[in-house]
C-alpha atoms as a PDB file:
ATOM      1  CA  MET A   1      29.564 -42.630   3.661  1.00  0.00           C
ATOM      2  CA  THR A   2      28.252 -42.248   0.098  1.00  0.00           C
ATOM      3  CA  ARG A   3      30.272 -40.805  -2.798  1.00  0.00           C
ATOM      4  CA  LEU A   4      27.819 -37.614  -2.983  1.00  0.00           C
ATOM      5  CA  THR A   5      28.304 -37.149   0.861  1.00  0.00           C
ATOM      6  CA  ARG A   6      32.285 -37.414   0.478  1.00  0.00           C
ATOM      7  CA  LEU A   7      31.853 -34.898  -2.281  1.00  0.00           C
ATOM      8  CA  ALA A   8      29.883 -32.322  -0.146  1.00  0.00           C
ATOM      9  CA  PHE A   9      32.171 -32.867   2.748  1.00  0.00           C
ATOM     10  CA  ALA A  10      35.072 -31.917   0.274  1.00  0.00           C
ATOM     11  CA  LEU A  11      33.209 -28.973  -1.085  1.00  0.00           C
ATOM     12  CA  ALA A  12      32.739 -27.799   2.365  1.00  0.00           C
ATOM     13  CA  LEU A  13      36.122 -28.174   3.421  1.00  0.00           C
ATOM     14  CA  VAL A  14      37.566 -26.464   0.370  1.00  0.00           C
ATOM     15  CA  LEU A  15      34.984 -23.478   1.106  1.00  0.00           C
ATOM     16  CA  VAL A  16      36.005 -23.418   4.812  1.00  0.00           C
ATOM     17  CA  LEU A  17      39.851 -23.394   3.819  1.00  0.00           C
ATOM     18  CA  GLY A  18      39.330 -20.684   1.266  1.00  0.00           C
ATOM     19  CA  ALA A  19      37.491 -18.474   3.565  1.00  0.00           C
ATOM     20  CA  LEU A  20      40.422 -18.807   6.092  1.00  0.00           C
ATOM     21  CA  MET A  21      42.980 -18.092   3.297  1.00  0.00           C
ATOM     22  CA  GLY A  22      41.116 -15.196   1.973  1.00  0.00           C
ATOM     23  CA  ALA A  23      41.180 -13.844   5.621  1.00  0.00           C
ATOM     24  CA  CYS A  24      45.133 -14.435   6.047  1.00  0.00           C
ATOM     25  CA  GLY A  25      46.977 -11.227   6.371  1.00  0.00           C
ATOM     26  CA  SER A  26      44.182  -8.998   6.576  1.00  0.00           C
ATOM     27  CA  SER A  27      43.865  -6.178   9.430  1.00  0.00           C
ATOM     28  CA  SER A  28      41.000  -4.804  11.058  1.00  0.00           C
ATOM     29  CA  LYS A  29      42.830  -1.513  11.187  1.00  0.00           C
ATOM     30  CA  LYS A  30      42.094   0.628   8.398  1.00  0.00           C
ATOM     31  CA  SER A  31      45.360   2.089   6.659  1.00  0.00           C
ATOM     32  CA  SER A  32      45.298   5.765   5.545  1.00  0.00           C
ATOM     33  CA  SER A  33      46.679   6.421   2.046  1.00  0.00           C
ATOM     34  CA  ALA A  34      48.029   9.598   2.937  1.00  0.00           C
ATOM     35  CA  PRO A  35      51.570   8.300   4.437  1.00  0.00           C
ATOM     36  CA  LYS A  36      51.924   6.313   1.348  1.00  0.00           C
ATOM     37  CA  ALA A  37      50.864   9.141  -0.969  1.00  0.00           C
ATOM     38  CA  ASN A  38      53.314  11.529   0.900  1.00  0.00           C
ATOM     39  CA  THR A  39      55.981   8.887   0.463  1.00  0.00           C
ATOM     40  CA  GLN A  40      55.295   8.700  -3.486  1.00  0.00           C
ATOM     41  CA  GLU A  41      55.169  12.360  -3.902  1.00  0.00           C
ATOM     42  CA  ASP A  42      58.419  12.683  -1.783  1.00  0.00           C
ATOM     43  CA  ALA A  43      60.034  10.031  -4.086  1.00  0.00           C
ATOM     44  CA  LEU A  44      59.075  12.018  -7.103  1.00  0.00           C
ATOM     45  CA  ALA A  45      60.622  15.249  -5.531  1.00  0.00           C
ATOM     46  CA  LYS A  46      63.895  13.448  -4.701  1.00  0.00           C
ATOM     47  CA  ALA A  47      63.846  12.176  -8.378  1.00  0.00           C
ATOM     48  CA  HIS A  48      63.447  15.682  -9.543  1.00  0.00           C
ATOM     49  CA  ALA A  49      66.301  16.934  -7.599  1.00  0.00           C
ATOM     50  CA  ARG A  50      68.625  14.295  -8.938  1.00  0.00           C
ATOM     51  CA  THR A  51      67.657  14.982 -12.405  1.00  0.00           C
ATOM     52  CA  ALA A  52      68.213  18.605 -11.793  1.00  0.00           C
ATOM     53  CA  ALA A  53      71.611  17.884 -10.375  1.00  0.00           C
ATOM     54  CA  THR A  54      72.437  15.975 -13.564  1.00  0.00           C
ATOM     55  CA  GLU A  55      71.306  18.991 -15.823  1.00  0.00           C
ATOM     56  CA  ILE A  56      73.318  21.574 -13.693  1.00  0.00           C
ATOM     57  CA  GLU A  57      76.508  19.129 -13.787  1.00  0.00           C
ATOM     58  CA  ALA A  58      75.918  19.082 -17.872  1.00  0.00           C
ATOM     59  CA  CYS A  59      75.569  22.839 -17.975  1.00  0.00           C
ATOM     60  CA  TYR A  60      78.814  23.043 -15.832  1.00  0.00           C
ATOM     61  CA  VAL A  61      80.744  21.070 -18.698  1.00  0.00           C
ATOM     62  CA  ASP A  62      79.673  23.484 -21.229  1.00  0.00           C
ATOM     63  CA  GLN A  63      80.342  26.588 -19.150  1.00  0.00           C
ATOM     64  CA  ALA A  64      82.912  25.934 -16.727  1.00  0.00           C
ATOM     65  CA  ALA A  65      80.768  27.337 -14.079  1.00  0.00           C
ATOM     66  CA  TYR A  66      77.419  26.627 -12.255  1.00  0.00           C
ATOM     67  CA  THR A  67      76.463  30.281 -12.504  1.00  0.00           C
ATOM     68  CA  GLY A  68      73.421  30.614 -14.702  1.00  0.00           C
ATOM     69  CA  CYS A  69      72.619  27.107 -14.872  1.00  0.00           C
ATOM     70  CA  GLU A  70      68.780  26.470 -14.346  1.00  0.00           C
ATOM     71  CA  PRO A  71      67.085  22.958 -14.079  1.00  0.00           C
ATOM     72  CA  SER A  72      64.015  22.465 -16.171  1.00  0.00           C
ATOM     73  CA  GLN A  73      62.637  20.287 -13.640  1.00  0.00           C
ATOM     74  CA  ALA A  74      59.113  21.549 -12.231  1.00  0.00           C
ATOM     75  CA  GLY A  75      59.140  22.382  -8.562  1.00  0.00           C
ATOM     76  CA  VAL A  76      62.709  22.470  -8.347  1.00  0.00           C
ATOM     77  CA  THR A  77      64.849  25.759  -7.733  1.00  0.00           C
ATOM     78  CA  ALA A  78      68.585  26.618  -8.113  1.00  0.00           C
ATOM     79  CA  THR A  79      70.895  28.673  -6.304  1.00  0.00           C
ATOM     80  CA  THR A  80      74.234  28.564  -8.072  1.00  0.00           C
ATOM     81  CA  THR A  81      77.844  30.143  -7.798  1.00  0.00           C
ATOM     82  CA  ASP A  82      80.719  29.603  -9.938  1.00  0.00           C
ATOM     83  CA  THR A  83      81.709  26.553  -8.119  1.00  0.00           C
ATOM     84  CA  SER A  84      78.649  25.295  -6.144  1.00  0.00           C
ATOM     85  CA  TYR A  85      74.851  24.873  -6.328  1.00  0.00           C
ATOM     86  CA  LYS A  86      71.853  24.281  -4.136  1.00  0.00           C
ATOM     87  CA  LEU A  87      68.752  22.828  -5.620  1.00  0.00           C
ATOM     88  CA  VAL A  88      65.676  22.583  -3.785  1.00  0.00           C
ATOM     89  CA  ALA A  89      62.924  20.228  -4.631  1.00  0.00           C
ATOM     90  CA  GLN A  90      59.366  20.932  -3.180  1.00  0.00           C
ATOM     91  CA  SER A  91      57.067  17.916  -2.663  1.00  0.00           C
ATOM     92  CA  LYS A  92      53.393  18.121  -2.684  1.00  0.00           C
ATOM     93  CA  SER A  93      53.421  16.559   0.514  1.00  0.00           C
ATOM     94  CA  GLY A  94      54.980  19.826   1.979  1.00  0.00           C
ATOM     95  CA  ASN A  95      58.504  18.299   2.317  1.00  0.00           C
ATOM     96  CA  SER A  96      61.719  20.094   0.703  1.00  0.00           C
ATOM     97  CA  PHE A  97      64.530  18.172  -0.573  1.00  0.00           C
ATOM     98  CA  VAL A  98      67.977  19.835  -0.813  1.00  0.00           C
ATOM     99  CA  LEU A  99      70.575  18.578  -2.909  1.00  0.00           C
ATOM    100  CA  ALA A 100      73.689  20.916  -2.607  1.00  0.00           C
ATOM    101  CA  LYS A 101      77.380  20.633  -3.922  1.00  0.00           C
ATOM    102  CA  ASP A 102      80.028  22.866  -2.196  1.00  0.00           C
ATOM    103  CA  ALA A 103      83.149  24.545  -3.554  1.00  0.00           C
ATOM    104  CA  ASN A 104      85.041  21.471  -2.394  1.00  0.00           C
ATOM    105  CA  GLY A 105      82.785  18.935  -4.471  1.00  0.00           C
ATOM    106  CA  ALA A 106      81.082  17.529  -1.375  1.00  0.00           C
ATOM    107  CA  VAL A 107      77.346  16.652  -2.071  1.00  0.00           C
ATOM    108  CA  SER A 108      74.574  16.639   0.471  1.00  0.00           C
ATOM    109  CA  ARG A 109      71.083  15.756   0.247  1.00  0.00           C
ATOM    110  CA  THR A 110      69.068  16.959   3.293  1.00  0.00           C
ATOM    111  CA  CYS A 111      65.309  17.408   3.795  1.00  0.00           C
ATOM    112  CA  THR A 112      63.238  19.484   6.074  1.00  0.00           C
ATOM    113  CA  THR A 113      60.489  17.524   7.582  1.00  0.00           C
ATOM    114  CA  THR A 114      62.456  14.829   9.288  1.00  0.00           C
ATOM    115  CA  GLY A 115      60.815  11.725  10.082  1.00  0.00           C
ATOM    116  CA  ASN A 116      57.852  12.616   7.756  1.00  0.00           C
ATOM    117  CA  GLY A 117      57.010  10.931   4.489  1.00  0.00           C
ATOM    118  CA  GLY A 118      60.272  10.108   2.508  1.00  0.00           C
ATOM    119  CA  CYS A 119      62.349  12.272   4.752  1.00  0.00           C
ATOM    120  CA  PRO A 120      64.438  10.079   7.160  1.00  0.00           C
ATOM    121  CA  ALA A 121      64.441  10.924  10.772  1.00  0.00           C
ATOM    122  CA  ALA A 122      68.176  11.615  10.336  1.00  0.00           C
ATOM    123  CA  GLY A 123      67.087  14.451   7.980  1.00  0.00           C
ATOM    124  CA  SER A 124      69.563  13.246   5.226  1.00  0.00           C
ATOM    125  CA  TRP A 125      68.505  11.003   2.009  1.00  0.00           C
END
C-alpha cells in the first residue's frame, strides 16, 4: 500500500467515524418545544411566588401583620390577613402556583394543573 493510499484510507475512516459520531444521540422523533417552554414559564412563576413571599415577610416585619402587604412581582396576587397570606402566581402556560402561609406558620406550595409543565403530579411544588 502506498503512502497516498494509506492517507486516503485514513481520511475515509475519519469521515465515516465522524458521520457515525455526529448521528450519535440523535432521534428520529421531533420534540416539541411546548413542554419545555411551559416548564420554563412555570419555573419563572414559581420564582415570582417565592420572591413575593420574601416581600410579604419583609412587610410583616415592618407592620407586625400581613394585612396590607402586597407583592411587586408581575403576575402574582395576594390575599392577606393579620396572621396569614396566600400568593397566587399565574404562569403564561396556564398553571397557577400557590404559596400560602397559615396562622400557625405552616407553608404550603400547590399548583392547579397537576402533572403538567412544572406542576408535579402530586400537585405540590
